[in-house]
């Protein structure tokens, strides 16, 4: 099979999974109203999912490390399909939370395997671009999945959002079954060799940076629908259109960052921080203006989408000798950051109000900038040269 076909099938799977994981962002207001709970409690549909991934991710990846990769990918998609059907029928919020959390246990397996397969399907110098194609599935999930779920939930009830998630996972599962070849693990790394990468200081620096950057991004993005509803005073249909615009801009951001990472990783990381900071300031200052908010959503989506492939490259290139375990650490720590960011955002809404929510993200981004500076200061140019060499 052509490598490009494999990469695009994996992108479809990523699209289905990320729509399930992040799609609830667009329907949190409907869930909150339907079950008579606060928006902060409804946010646990997102943060609870991410917390499970953060806790079990690397260990689930090790458990599946010797299993045929096609089987692993298809198994994850099947679990997501079944869980979304159960979520759509949930009679209470507690049961909905349970059915949401269960597929999170296998979610890390898909991402670690998919990233490794994508990178290995092309020549090494093009691996970041191949991975960025899979991440385009992430952006497409925001472009199409999240606003479509928001639209149907706003028109027909929150259950329809989960029905859409189930349908997407069914299509992705069929594509993986039909189009992917069997991919048995021929040279499986030992558990000790994989876990051994945890002794590398540069890896831990990048994992800490990833947590804080992800928290900065999701402390506001997790409540984007609520922010646009309360601060910008948009209705459900307008919010769906904004989510579509946000994700469309994100696709361009993902493609661009994939190319920039191949050129210079550390400069791209610094550029992201330098661009995201003024974006947050502008959201804080002009978020109440309807026409200005539209332009800000485009800029916000473009910058937001670059964070995840950037963090993945930082983590993987710090420990390229165990790619699947490195990707599982990226997934785990990224979801830890998502959990922390959602919690900080929810706490900020409760304490200072949703109008000032961008300030929480700005504070977290300042901490991320400090960590980035300290990493370069203490790890030195040798570590940076090692990271750049790994790209080649």
Protein backbone atom coordinates (compact mmCIF):
# COMPACT_ATOMS: atom_id res chain seq x y z
CA UNK A 1 0.00 0.00 0.00
CA UNK A 2 1.18 3.52 -0.75
CA UNK A 3 2.43 5.38 2.28
CA UNK A 4 0.14 8.33 1.52
CA UNK A 5 -2.94 6.09 1.71
CA UNK A 6 -1.89 4.81 5.11
CA UNK A 7 -1.32 8.34 6.40
CA UNK A 8 -4.73 9.56 5.22
CA UNK A 9 -6.54 6.56 6.68
CA UNK A 10 -4.84 7.30 10.00
CA UNK A 11 -5.90 10.95 9.66
CA UNK A 12 -9.50 9.77 9.27
CA UNK A 13 -9.19 7.77 12.48
CA UNK A 14 -7.69 10.78 14.23
CA UNK A 15 -10.59 12.86 12.96
CA UNK A 16 -13.13 10.46 14.47
CA UNK A 17 -11.35 10.16 17.82
CA UNK A 18 -10.63 13.85 18.31
CA UNK A 19 -14.21 14.70 17.39
CA UNK A 20 -15.34 12.36 20.15
CA UNK A 21 -12.82 13.73 22.64
CA UNK A 22 -13.21 17.46 21.98
CA UNK A 23 -16.67 17.52 20.39
CA UNK A 24 -18.29 17.92 23.79
CA UNK A 25 -16.83 21.45 23.90
CA UNK A 26 -19.55 22.45 21.46
CA UNK A 27 -22.37 20.80 23.43
CA UNK A 28 -21.42 21.53 27.05
CA UNK A 29 -24.09 24.26 27.29
CA UNK A 30 -26.79 21.79 26.17
CA UNK A 31 -25.57 19.10 28.58
CA UNK A 32 -25.50 21.64 31.41
CA UNK A 33 -29.08 22.70 30.73
CA UNK A 34 -30.42 19.18 30.13
CA UNK A 35 -29.15 17.77 33.44
CA UNK A 36 -29.47 20.97 35.47
CA UNK A 37 -25.78 21.17 36.37
CA UNK A 38 -23.17 23.93 36.27
CA UNK A 39 -20.99 24.42 33.20
CA UNK A 40 -17.94 23.64 35.37
CA UNK A 41 -19.37 20.23 36.30
CA UNK A 42 -20.34 19.54 32.70
CA UNK A 43 -16.70 20.28 31.84
CA UNK A 44 -15.77 16.97 33.49
CA UNK A 45 -16.93 15.26 30.30
CA UNK A 46 -13.76 16.72 28.82
CA UNK A 47 -11.37 16.84 31.78
CA UNK A 48 -12.37 13.42 33.16
CA UNK A 49 -11.66 11.87 29.76
CA UNK A 50 -8.30 13.58 29.61
CA UNK A 51 -7.43 12.62 33.20
CA UNK A 52 -7.82 8.91 32.46
CA UNK A 53 -5.55 9.24 29.43
CA UNK A 54 -2.98 11.08 31.51
CA UNK A 55 -2.90 8.34 34.14
CA UNK A 56 -2.95 5.18 32.01
CA UNK A 57 -1.61 6.27 28.61
CA UNK A 58 2.00 5.02 28.66
CA UNK A 59 1.12 1.76 30.38
CA UNK A 60 -1.69 0.90 27.95
CA UNK A 61 0.74 1.55 25.09
CA UNK A 62 3.27 -0.83 26.62
CA UNK A 63 0.50 -3.43 27.02
CA UNK A 64 -0.34 -3.22 23.30
CA UNK A 65 3.27 -2.83 22.11
CA UNK A 66 3.56 -6.41 20.76
CA UNK A 67 0.09 -6.61 19.19
CA UNK A 68 -0.55 -6.23 15.46
CA UNK A 69 -0.89 -2.49 14.84
CA UNK A 70 -3.91 -2.79 12.57
CA UNK A 71 -5.74 -4.80 15.23
CA UNK A 72 -4.87 -2.22 17.88
CA UNK A 73 -6.15 0.67 15.76
CA UNK A 74 -9.39 -1.11 14.86
CA UNK A 75 -9.99 -2.24 18.43
CA UNK A 76 -9.77 1.34 19.70
CA UNK A 77 -12.21 2.60 17.07
CA UNK A 78 -14.66 -0.19 17.92
CA UNK A 79 -14.57 0.72 21.63
CA UNK A 80 -15.21 4.35 20.76
CA UNK A 81 -18.13 3.39 18.54
CA UNK A 82 -19.77 1.34 21.29
CA UNK A 83 -19.14 3.98 23.96
CA UNK A 84 -20.65 6.77 21.87
CA UNK A 85 -23.80 4.75 21.28
CA UNK A 86 -24.06 4.17 25.04
CA UNK A 87 -23.44 7.88 25.73
CA UNK A 88 -26.25 8.92 23.39
CA UNK A 89 -28.64 6.79 25.47
CA UNK A 90 -27.37 7.81 28.92
CA UNK A 91 -30.29 8.59 31.29
CA UNK A 92 -28.26 10.67 33.78
CA UNK A 93 -25.13 12.78 33.89
CA UNK A 94 -23.25 10.25 36.05
CA UNK A 95 -23.87 7.48 33.54
CA UNK A 96 -22.94 9.79 30.69
CA UNK A 97 -19.69 10.60 32.47
CA UNK A 98 -18.99 6.87 32.90
CA UNK A 99 -19.61 6.03 29.24
CA UNK A 100 -17.42 8.98 28.26
CA UNK A 101 -14.53 7.86 30.43
CA UNK A 102 -14.40 4.17 29.46
CA UNK A 103 -12.98 4.65 25.90
CA UNK A 104 -10.32 6.97 27.30
CA UNK A 105 -8.47 3.88 28.57
CA UNK A 106 -7.66 2.77 25.00
CA UNK A 107 -7.45 6.20 23.38
CA UNK A 108 -3.65 6.48 23.96
CA UNK A 109 -3.07 3.27 22.03
CA UNK A 110 -4.46 4.73 18.82
CA UNK A 111 -2.43 7.93 19.01
CA UNK A 112 0.89 6.31 19.86
CA UNK A 113 0.52 3.65 17.17
CA UNK A 114 -0.84 6.06 14.53
CA UNK A 115 1.96 8.59 15.04
CA UNK A 116 4.63 5.89 14.81
CA UNK A 117 3.10 4.25 11.74
CA UNK A 118 2.76 7.63 9.99
CA UNK A 119 6.38 8.60 10.69
CA UNK A 120 7.68 5.19 9.60
CA UNK A 121 5.66 5.17 6.36
CA UNK A 122 7.84 7.88 4.76
CA UNK A 123 11.52 8.71 4.54
CA UNK A 124 12.91 10.17 7.81
CA UNK A 125 13.28 13.75 6.55
CA UNK A 126 9.55 13.84 5.73
CA UNK A 127 8.33 12.24 8.97
CA UNK A 128 7.14 15.52 10.53
CA UNK A 129 5.06 16.27 7.46
CA UNK A 130 3.49 12.79 7.57
CA UNK A 131 2.67 13.25 11.23
CA UNK A 132 1.25 16.71 10.51
CA UNK A 133 -1.13 15.10 7.98
CA UNK A 134 -2.46 12.87 10.77
CA UNK A 135 -2.75 15.96 12.95
CA UNK A 136 -4.76 17.54 10.15
CA UNK A 137 -7.39 14.99 11.15
CA UNK A 138 -7.32 16.72 14.53
CA UNK A 139 -7.96 20.10 12.94
CA UNK A 140 -10.62 18.64 10.65
CA UNK A 141 -12.36 17.29 13.74
CA UNK A 142 -12.60 20.84 14.99
CA UNK A 143 -13.57 22.15 11.54
CA UNK A 144 -16.36 19.66 10.87
CA UNK A 145 -16.99 17.35 13.82
CA UNK A 146 -17.23 19.86 16.67
CA UNK A 147 -19.46 22.46 14.93
CA UNK A 148 -21.67 19.77 13.36
CA UNK A 149 -22.14 18.15 16.78
CA UNK A 150 -22.85 21.59 18.23
CA UNK A 151 -25.39 22.32 15.48
CA UNK A 152 -27.31 19.07 15.90
CA UNK A 153 -27.19 19.27 19.68
CA UNK A 154 -28.47 22.84 19.59
CA UNK A 155 -31.33 21.86 17.29
CA UNK A 156 -32.26 18.39 18.55
CA UNK A 157 -30.68 17.86 21.98
CA UNK A 158 -27.27 16.82 23.32
CA UNK A 159 -27.88 13.14 22.44
CA UNK A 160 -27.49 13.94 18.77
CA UNK A 161 -23.95 15.07 19.35
CA UNK A 162 -22.94 11.61 20.54
CA UNK A 163 -24.87 10.00 17.69
CA UNK A 164 -22.72 12.00 15.27
CA UNK A 165 -19.57 10.85 17.10
CA UNK A 166 -20.70 7.22 16.79
CA UNK A 167 -21.32 7.57 13.05
CA UNK A 168 -17.87 9.06 12.45
CA UNK A 169 -16.17 6.26 14.39
CA UNK A 170 -18.12 3.66 12.40
CA UNK A 171 -16.89 5.13 9.10
CA UNK A 172 -13.29 5.30 10.36
CA UNK A 173 -13.44 1.72 11.62
CA UNK A 174 -14.59 0.44 8.22
CA UNK A 175 -11.82 2.39 6.46
CA UNK A 176 -9.17 0.91 8.75
CA UNK A 177 -10.50 -2.62 8.29
CA UNK A 178 -10.64 -2.35 4.49
CA UNK A 179 -7.67 -0.14 3.61
CA UNK A 180 -4.94 -0.90 6.13
CA UNK A 181 -2.79 -4.03 5.75
CA UNK A 182 -1.88 -6.25 8.65
CA UNK A 183 1.03 -4.66 10.51
CA UNK A 184 2.55 -7.20 12.90
CA UNK A 185 5.26 -5.96 15.25
CA UNK A 186 8.45 -7.59 13.98
CA UNK A 187 11.08 -6.00 16.20
CA UNK A 188 9.38 -5.16 19.46
CA UNK A 189 11.47 -3.18 21.92
CA UNK A 190 11.76 -4.57 25.43
CA UNK A 191 9.84 -2.86 28.20
CA UNK A 192 13.08 -1.90 29.94
CA UNK A 193 14.49 -0.26 26.81
CA UNK A 194 11.32 1.74 26.26
CA UNK A 195 11.02 2.84 29.88
CA UNK A 196 14.73 3.69 29.83
CA UNK A 197 14.03 6.91 27.93
CA UNK A 198 12.65 8.32 31.18
CA UNK A 199 16.24 8.86 32.29
CA UNK A 200 16.74 11.63 29.70
CA UNK A 201 16.54 15.16 31.22
CA UNK A 202 15.69 16.82 27.90
CA UNK A 203 12.62 14.58 27.64
CA UNK A 204 11.34 15.72 31.04
CA UNK A 205 11.92 19.38 30.18
CA UNK A 206 9.80 18.97 27.07
CA UNK A 207 7.08 17.01 28.89
CA UNK A 208 6.77 19.75 31.52
CA UNK A 209 6.68 22.37 28.77
CA UNK A 210 3.97 20.38 27.01
CA UNK A 211 1.77 20.21 30.12
CA UNK A 212 1.91 23.96 30.67
CA UNK A 213 1.47 24.91 27.01
CA UNK A 214 -1.50 22.55 26.67
CA UNK A 215 -3.03 23.91 29.86
CA UNK A 216 -2.64 27.45 28.53
CA UNK A 217 -4.36 26.49 25.28
CA UNK A 218 -7.25 24.53 26.79
CA UNK A 219 -7.98 26.73 29.80
CA UNK A 220 -9.85 28.98 27.39
CA UNK A 221 -10.58 26.66 24.44
CA UNK A 222 -12.47 24.15 26.63
CA UNK A 223 -15.06 26.86 27.30
CA UNK A 224 -15.01 28.47 23.88
CA UNK A 225 -18.71 27.81 23.19
CA UNK A 226 -19.69 29.25 26.57
CA UNK A 227 -17.36 32.24 26.10
CA UNK A 228 -18.90 33.11 22.73
CA UNK A 229 -22.37 32.64 24.18
CA UNK A 230 -21.91 34.83 27.27
CA UNK A 231 -19.22 37.36 26.33
CA UNK A 232 -19.79 37.82 22.59
CA UNK A 233 -23.51 37.01 22.94
CA UNK A 234 -23.75 34.64 20.00
CA UNK A 235 -26.60 32.19 19.53
CA UNK A 236 -26.12 28.43 19.02
CA UNK A 237 -26.08 28.67 15.22
CA UNK A 238 -23.50 31.45 15.22
CA UNK A 239 -21.33 29.52 17.67
CA UNK A 240 -21.40 26.52 15.33
CA UNK A 241 -20.24 28.75 12.47
CA UNK A 242 -17.47 30.19 14.65
CA UNK A 243 -16.28 26.68 15.54
CA UNK A 244 -16.21 25.87 11.84
CA UNK A 245 -14.20 29.01 11.11
CA UNK A 246 -11.88 28.27 14.04
CA UNK A 247 -11.12 24.77 12.79
CA UNK A 248 -10.68 25.84 9.17
CA UNK A 249 -7.99 28.27 10.26
CA UNK A 250 -6.51 25.45 12.33
CA UNK A 251 -5.97 23.27 9.27
CA UNK A 252 -3.74 25.93 7.73
CA UNK A 253 -1.89 26.33 11.03
CA UNK A 254 -1.28 22.57 11.27
CA UNK A 255 0.08 22.35 7.72
CA UNK A 256 2.37 25.34 8.21
CA UNK A 257 3.78 24.18 11.55
CA UNK A 258 4.54 20.75 10.07
CA UNK A 259 6.84 22.43 7.56
CA UNK A 260 8.39 24.82 10.06
CA UNK A 261 9.21 22.02 12.49
CA UNK A 262 11.26 20.32 9.79
CA UNK A 263 13.24 23.54 9.33
CA UNK A 264 13.89 24.57 12.95
CA UNK A 265 12.06 23.06 15.91
CA UNK A 266 13.15 25.33 18.76
CA UNK A 267 12.54 28.52 16.75
CA UNK A 268 9.04 27.27 15.90
CA UNK A 269 8.35 26.66 19.60
CA UNK A 270 9.46 30.18 20.49
CA UNK A 271 7.40 31.60 17.64
CA UNK A 272 4.28 29.86 18.89
CA UNK A 273 4.61 31.42 22.34
CA UNK A 274 5.34 34.83 20.80
CA UNK A 275 2.19 34.66 18.63
CA UNK A 276 -0.21 33.10 21.13
CA UNK A 277 0.42 35.74 23.82
CA UNK A 278 -0.90 38.76 21.84
CA UNK A 279 -3.77 36.61 20.56
CA UNK A 280 -4.95 36.06 24.13
CA UNK A 281 -4.56 39.75 24.93
CA UNK A 282 -6.70 40.69 21.93
CA UNK A 283 -9.38 38.17 22.95
CA UNK A 284 -9.45 39.70 26.42
CA UNK A 285 -9.68 43.27 25.13
CA UNK A 286 -12.09 42.81 22.21
CA UNK A 287 -13.96 39.55 22.87
CA UNK A 288 -17.22 41.45 23.49
CA UNK A 289 -17.22 42.94 20.00
CA UNK A 290 -19.12 40.67 17.60
CA UNK A 291 -17.34 41.71 14.34
CA UNK A 292 -13.89 41.81 15.96
CA UNK A 293 -14.50 38.42 17.58
CA UNK A 294 -14.97 36.86 14.14
CA UNK A 295 -11.48 37.97 13.08
CA UNK A 296 -10.04 36.88 16.41
CA UNK A 297 -11.55 33.41 16.03
CA UNK A 298 -9.57 32.98 12.80
CA UNK A 299 -6.30 34.03 14.43
CA UNK A 300 -7.08 31.98 17.54
CA UNK A 301 -7.81 28.84 15.50
CA UNK A 302 -4.65 29.23 13.42
CA UNK A 303 -2.41 29.52 16.50
CA UNK A 304 -4.27 26.95 18.61
CA UNK A 305 -3.84 24.15 16.07
CA UNK A 306 -0.06 24.49 15.99
CA UNK A 307 0.40 23.67 19.69
CA UNK A 308 -0.23 19.93 19.57
CA UNK A 309 2.01 18.90 16.62
CA UNK A 310 4.67 21.20 18.04
CA UNK A 311 4.56 19.47 21.44
CA UNK A 312 4.58 16.06 19.75
CA UNK A 313 7.73 16.92 17.83
CA UNK A 314 9.46 18.22 20.98
CA UNK A 315 8.72 15.02 22.89
CA UNK A 316 9.42 12.53 20.09
CA UNK A 317 12.71 14.10 19.07
CA UNK A 318 13.87 14.05 22.67
CA UNK A 319 13.62 10.23 22.66
CA UNK A 320 13.40 8.92 19.06
CA UNK A 321 14.72 5.48 20.00
CA UNK A 322 11.33 4.43 21.45
CA UNK A 323 8.79 6.22 19.23
CA UNK A 324 5.59 4.54 20.41
CA UNK A 325 6.38 4.97 24.09
CA UNK A 326 7.47 8.57 23.42
CA UNK A 327 4.19 9.23 21.65
CA UNK A 328 2.28 7.68 24.55
CA UNK A 329 4.09 10.02 26.95
CA UNK A 330 3.19 12.94 24.67
CA UNK A 331 -0.43 11.82 24.71
CA UNK A 332 -0.47 11.26 28.47
CA UNK A 333 1.19 14.51 29.46
CA UNK A 334 -0.80 16.44 26.88
CA UNK A 335 -4.03 15.19 28.40
CA UNK A 336 -2.70 16.00 31.85
CA UNK A 337 -2.27 19.54 30.56
CA UNK A 338 -5.78 19.44 29.07
CA UNK A 339 -7.17 18.32 32.44
CA UNK A 340 -5.27 21.03 34.29
CA UNK A 341 -6.24 23.68 31.76
CA UNK A 342 -9.93 22.75 31.88
CA UNK A 343 -9.81 22.81 35.69
CA UNK A 344 -8.06 26.19 35.75
CA UNK A 345 -10.56 27.55 33.24
CA UNK A 346 -13.54 26.26 35.23
CA UNK A 347 -12.11 27.67 38.47
CA UNK A 348 -11.46 31.01 36.78
CA UNK A 349 -15.05 31.17 35.56
CA UNK A 350 -16.31 30.45 39.08
CA UNK A 351 -13.98 32.94 40.80
CA UNK A 352 -13.44 35.86 38.41
CA UNK A 353 -16.07 35.29 35.72
CA UNK A 354 -15.92 34.13 32.14
CA UNK A 355 -15.18 37.63 30.82
CA UNK A 356 -11.72 37.45 32.39
CA UNK A 357 -11.03 33.86 31.29
CA UNK A 358 -8.23 34.86 28.85
CA UNK A 359 -6.21 36.10 31.83
CA UNK A 360 -5.89 32.54 33.12
CA UNK A 361 -4.44 31.43 29.78
CA UNK A 362 -2.07 34.39 29.72
CA UNK A 363 -0.77 33.45 33.18
CA UNK A 364 -0.16 29.83 32.14
CA UNK A 365 1.53 30.92 28.93
CA UNK A 366 3.91 33.13 30.92
CA UNK A 367 4.93 30.09 32.98
CA UNK A 368 5.43 28.09 29.74
CA UNK A 369 7.67 30.86 28.37
CA UNK A 370 9.76 30.70 31.54
CA UNK A 371 10.14 26.90 31.25
CA UNK A 372 11.11 27.25 27.59
CA UNK A 373 13.78 29.81 28.50
CA UNK A 374 15.14 27.67 31.35
CA UNK A 375 15.26 24.58 29.12
CA UNK A 376 17.41 26.37 26.60
CA UNK A 377 19.55 27.85 29.38
CA UNK A 378 20.25 24.66 31.33
CA UNK A 379 20.14 22.01 28.60
CA UNK A 380 22.44 24.10 26.41
CA UNK A 381 22.99 24.16 22.71
CA UNK A 382 24.15 20.53 22.66
CA UNK A 383 20.69 19.27 23.53
CA UNK A 384 19.14 21.58 20.97
CA UNK A 385 21.52 20.28 18.29
CA UNK A 386 20.54 16.74 19.26
CA UNK A 387 16.89 17.58 18.75
CA UNK A 388 17.52 19.16 15.39
CA UNK A 389 19.68 16.23 14.29
CA UNK A 390 16.87 13.84 15.20
CA UNK A 391 14.66 15.67 12.69
CA UNK A 392 17.07 14.69 9.92
